[in-house]
Amino acid sequence: MKGGIGLNQVIRIVVAVLLLSVTSLFAQGAKAAIQSVEERKAAPELGLSDSASKQANLKAYRGKVVVLDFWATWCHGCKEEMPWFAEFQRKYSDQGLSVIGVSMDDDGWKVVKPFIKKAAVPYRIVLGSDSTAKAYAIGNMPDTFLLDREGRIAAAYVGVVDRNNLEENIQNLLAQK
């Protein structure tokens, strides 16, 4: 073809458009709607130890909205979310938000303590267990749960959260006194 687009160019354009579409699909992040109060179920208790060997129990967080994040040091999506959760902790803690990170690293504090120190994570980190992972049906990570002030699961995110969606849901729950 003279002066026109050849078949190879058309194929390249189609492939490029498809790749961009797939990439933007994954870049959006997981969104979740807040469940009605009647639909919410109590979050399973943690009973896990933090880096100071103090036990973290969700009952101690009643009256607060909680972002409960299951993560690992090797998880790329988890690392992407951590600065967002740190920002939410700083921005909304005075209004009653607490962020708790549940590390699912097999090597435990040996890898987690240096990681959270280097990343300057400003929220509480606890070590997860097989029973906790089972109670929350953790498959792949990250998995994030938004708990209301009564300790019930108001929203669940599988995969990297949509930052704006999570922040809107946090604001909505904080507004409910």
Protein backbone atom coordinates (compact mmCIF):
# COMPACT_ATOMS: atom_id res chain seq x y z
CA MET A 1 0.00 0.00 0.00
CA LYS A 2 1.37 3.36 -0.96
CA GLY A 3 0.73 6.22 1.46
CA GLY A 4 -1.58 4.11 3.64
CA ILE A 5 -1.18 2.17 6.84
CA GLY A 6 0.22 -1.31 6.43
CA LEU A 7 -1.17 -4.41 8.15
CA ASN A 8 1.83 -4.58 10.52
CA GLN A 9 1.18 -1.01 11.67
CA VAL A 10 -2.50 -1.77 12.25
CA ILE A 11 -1.60 -4.83 14.32
CA ARG A 12 0.90 -2.81 16.37
CA ILE A 13 -1.69 -0.11 17.05
CA VAL A 14 -4.32 -2.68 18.09
CA VAL A 15 -1.84 -4.43 20.42
CA ALA A 16 -0.79 -1.09 21.95
CA VAL A 17 -4.41 -0.09 22.58
CA LEU A 18 -5.17 -3.47 24.17
CA LEU A 19 -2.11 -3.25 26.42
CA LEU A 20 -3.06 0.25 27.55
CA SER A 21 -6.60 -0.91 28.28
CA VAL A 22 -5.44 -3.84 30.38
CA THR A 23 -2.88 -1.71 32.22
CA SER A 24 -5.44 0.96 33.10
CA LEU A 25 -7.82 -1.73 34.31
CA PHE A 26 -5.30 -2.93 36.89
CA ALA A 27 -4.12 0.56 37.82
CA GLN A 28 -7.54 1.58 39.11
CA GLY A 29 -7.41 -0.54 42.25
CA ALA A 30 -10.11 -2.38 44.13
CA LYS A 31 -13.24 -0.48 45.06
CA ALA A 32 -15.74 -1.44 47.72
CA ALA A 33 -19.12 -0.16 48.81
CA ILE A 34 -19.87 0.27 52.48
CA GLN A 35 -22.27 -2.43 53.58
CA SER A 36 -25.45 -1.47 55.38
CA VAL A 37 -25.28 -1.79 59.16
CA GLU A 38 -27.60 -4.82 59.00
CA GLU A 39 -25.27 -6.65 56.60
CA ARG A 40 -22.06 -6.10 58.56
CA LYS A 41 -20.50 -9.00 60.42
CA ALA A 42 -18.20 -8.76 63.42
CA ALA A 43 -14.53 -8.82 62.47
CA PRO A 44 -12.72 -11.87 63.81
CA GLU A 45 -10.55 -11.03 66.82
CA LEU A 46 -6.84 -10.62 66.19
CA GLY A 47 -5.03 -11.58 69.40
CA LEU A 48 -1.69 -10.93 67.65
CA SER A 49 1.51 -9.42 69.01
CA ASP A 50 3.04 -6.17 67.80
CA SER A 51 6.74 -5.26 67.64
CA ALA A 52 6.72 -4.33 71.35
CA SER A 53 5.28 -7.78 72.20
CA LYS A 54 1.95 -6.21 73.17
CA GLN A 55 -1.16 -8.04 72.11
CA ALA A 56 -3.48 -6.28 69.66
CA ASN A 57 -7.16 -6.98 70.25
CA LEU A 58 -9.86 -5.37 68.16
CA LYS A 59 -12.04 -4.92 71.25
CA ALA A 60 -9.58 -2.22 72.33
CA TYR A 61 -10.41 -0.32 69.13
CA ARG A 62 -14.17 -0.08 69.73
CA GLY A 63 -15.29 3.47 69.06
CA LYS A 64 -12.69 3.84 66.31
CA VAL A 65 -12.82 3.22 62.58
CA VAL A 66 -10.09 0.73 61.67
CA VAL A 67 -8.23 0.05 58.44
CA LEU A 68 -7.02 -3.54 58.80
CA ASP A 69 -4.42 -4.32 56.15
CA PHE A 70 -3.00 -7.79 55.47
CA TRP A 71 0.38 -7.39 53.79
CA ALA A 72 3.90 -8.79 53.36
CA THR A 73 7.33 -7.28 52.75
CA TRP A 74 7.66 -9.07 49.39
CA CYS A 75 4.24 -7.86 48.12
CA HIS A 76 4.58 -5.04 45.57
CA GLY A 77 0.94 -3.92 45.87
CA CYS A 78 1.26 -3.85 49.66
CA LYS A 79 4.24 -1.51 49.43
CA GLU A 80 2.26 0.73 47.08
CA GLU A 81 -0.56 1.10 49.61
CA MET A 82 1.52 1.72 52.73
CA PRO A 83 2.16 5.45 52.12
CA TRP A 84 -1.59 5.93 51.60
CA PHE A 85 -2.40 4.19 54.88
CA ALA A 86 0.30 6.25 56.62
CA GLU A 87 -1.30 9.42 55.25
CA PHE A 88 -4.77 8.31 56.39
CA GLN A 89 -3.39 7.55 59.88
CA ARG A 90 -1.88 11.04 60.13
CA LYS A 91 -4.84 12.81 58.54
CA TYR A 92 -7.73 11.11 60.37
CA SER A 93 -6.39 9.74 63.67
CA ASP A 94 -7.76 12.76 65.58
CA GLN A 95 -11.21 11.92 64.20
CA GLY A 96 -11.01 8.31 65.37
CA LEU A 97 -9.16 6.34 62.68
CA SER A 98 -6.60 3.65 63.46
CA VAL A 99 -4.62 1.68 60.91
CA ILE A 100 -3.34 -1.79 61.77
CA GLY A 101 -1.03 -3.68 59.44
CA VAL A 102 -1.04 -7.48 59.73
CA SER A 103 2.20 -8.84 58.31
CA MET A 104 1.90 -12.31 56.80
CA ASP A 105 5.67 -12.75 56.31
CA ASP A 106 6.84 -16.30 57.06
CA ASP A 107 10.14 -15.00 58.46
CA GLY A 108 8.35 -12.85 61.05
CA TRP A 109 9.97 -9.97 62.87
CA LYS A 110 13.38 -10.83 61.39
CA VAL A 111 12.24 -9.26 58.09
CA VAL A 112 9.35 -7.10 59.28
CA LYS A 113 11.16 -4.94 61.88
CA PRO A 114 13.87 -3.70 59.48
CA PHE A 115 11.26 -3.11 56.79
CA ILE A 116 8.91 -1.01 58.93
CA LYS A 117 11.86 0.94 60.34
CA LYS A 118 13.21 1.76 56.87
CA ALA A 119 9.72 2.58 55.54
CA ALA A 120 8.96 4.67 58.67
CA VAL A 121 5.52 3.07 59.04
CA PRO A 122 3.61 5.27 61.54
CA TYR A 123 0.88 2.77 62.40
CA ARG A 124 0.72 -0.41 64.44
CA ILE A 125 2.05 -3.59 62.85
CA VAL A 126 1.29 -7.07 64.16
CA LEU A 127 2.41 -10.50 62.97
CA GLY A 128 -0.34 -12.55 61.38
CA SER A 129 -0.93 -16.25 61.87
CA ASP A 130 -2.43 -19.07 59.85
CA SER A 131 -5.56 -18.97 61.99
CA THR A 132 -5.97 -15.22 61.43
CA ALA A 133 -5.49 -15.66 57.68
CA LYS A 134 -8.11 -18.40 57.71
CA ALA A 135 -10.56 -16.33 59.79
CA TYR A 136 -10.32 -13.46 57.29
CA ALA A 137 -10.14 -15.78 54.24
CA ILE A 138 -6.84 -14.28 53.10
CA GLY A 139 -5.79 -15.68 49.75
CA ASN A 140 -3.52 -13.27 47.95
CA MET A 141 -2.28 -9.98 49.29
CA PRO A 142 -2.95 -7.22 49.83
CA ASP A 143 -6.33 -7.67 51.48
CA THR A 144 -7.79 -4.73 53.39
CA PHE A 145 -10.82 -4.48 55.65
CA LEU A 146 -12.52 -1.32 56.82
CA LEU A 147 -14.12 -1.77 60.24
CA ASP A 148 -16.79 0.46 61.72
CA ARG A 149 -16.75 1.84 65.27
CA GLU A 150 -18.47 -1.33 66.53
CA GLY A 151 -15.77 -3.64 65.14
CA ARG A 152 -17.84 -4.85 62.19
CA ILE A 153 -16.55 -5.26 58.64
CA ALA A 154 -18.03 -2.36 56.69
CA ALA A 155 -16.03 -2.89 53.48
CA ALA A 156 -13.52 -5.41 52.14
CA TYR A 157 -10.92 -4.85 49.43
CA VAL A 158 -9.20 -7.70 47.58
CA GLY A 159 -6.00 -6.52 45.92
CA VAL A 160 -4.59 -3.01 45.88
CA VAL A 161 -7.24 -0.59 47.13
CA ASP A 162 -8.55 2.29 45.10
CA ARG A 163 -7.07 5.06 47.24
CA ASN A 164 -9.89 7.56 46.66
CA ASN A 165 -12.61 4.98 47.26
CA LEU A 166 -11.05 3.90 50.54
CA GLU A 167 -10.61 7.49 51.70
CA GLU A 168 -14.26 8.29 50.87
CA ASN A 169 -15.37 5.22 52.82
CA ILE A 170 -13.17 6.22 55.78
CA GLN A 171 -14.69 9.71 55.75
CA ASN A 172 -18.23 8.27 55.62
CA LEU A 173 -17.61 5.96 58.57
CA LEU A 174 -15.91 8.70 60.60
CA ALA A 175 -18.94 10.93 60.02
CA GLN A 176 -21.19 8.28 61.60
CA LYS A 177 -20.88 8.84 65.33
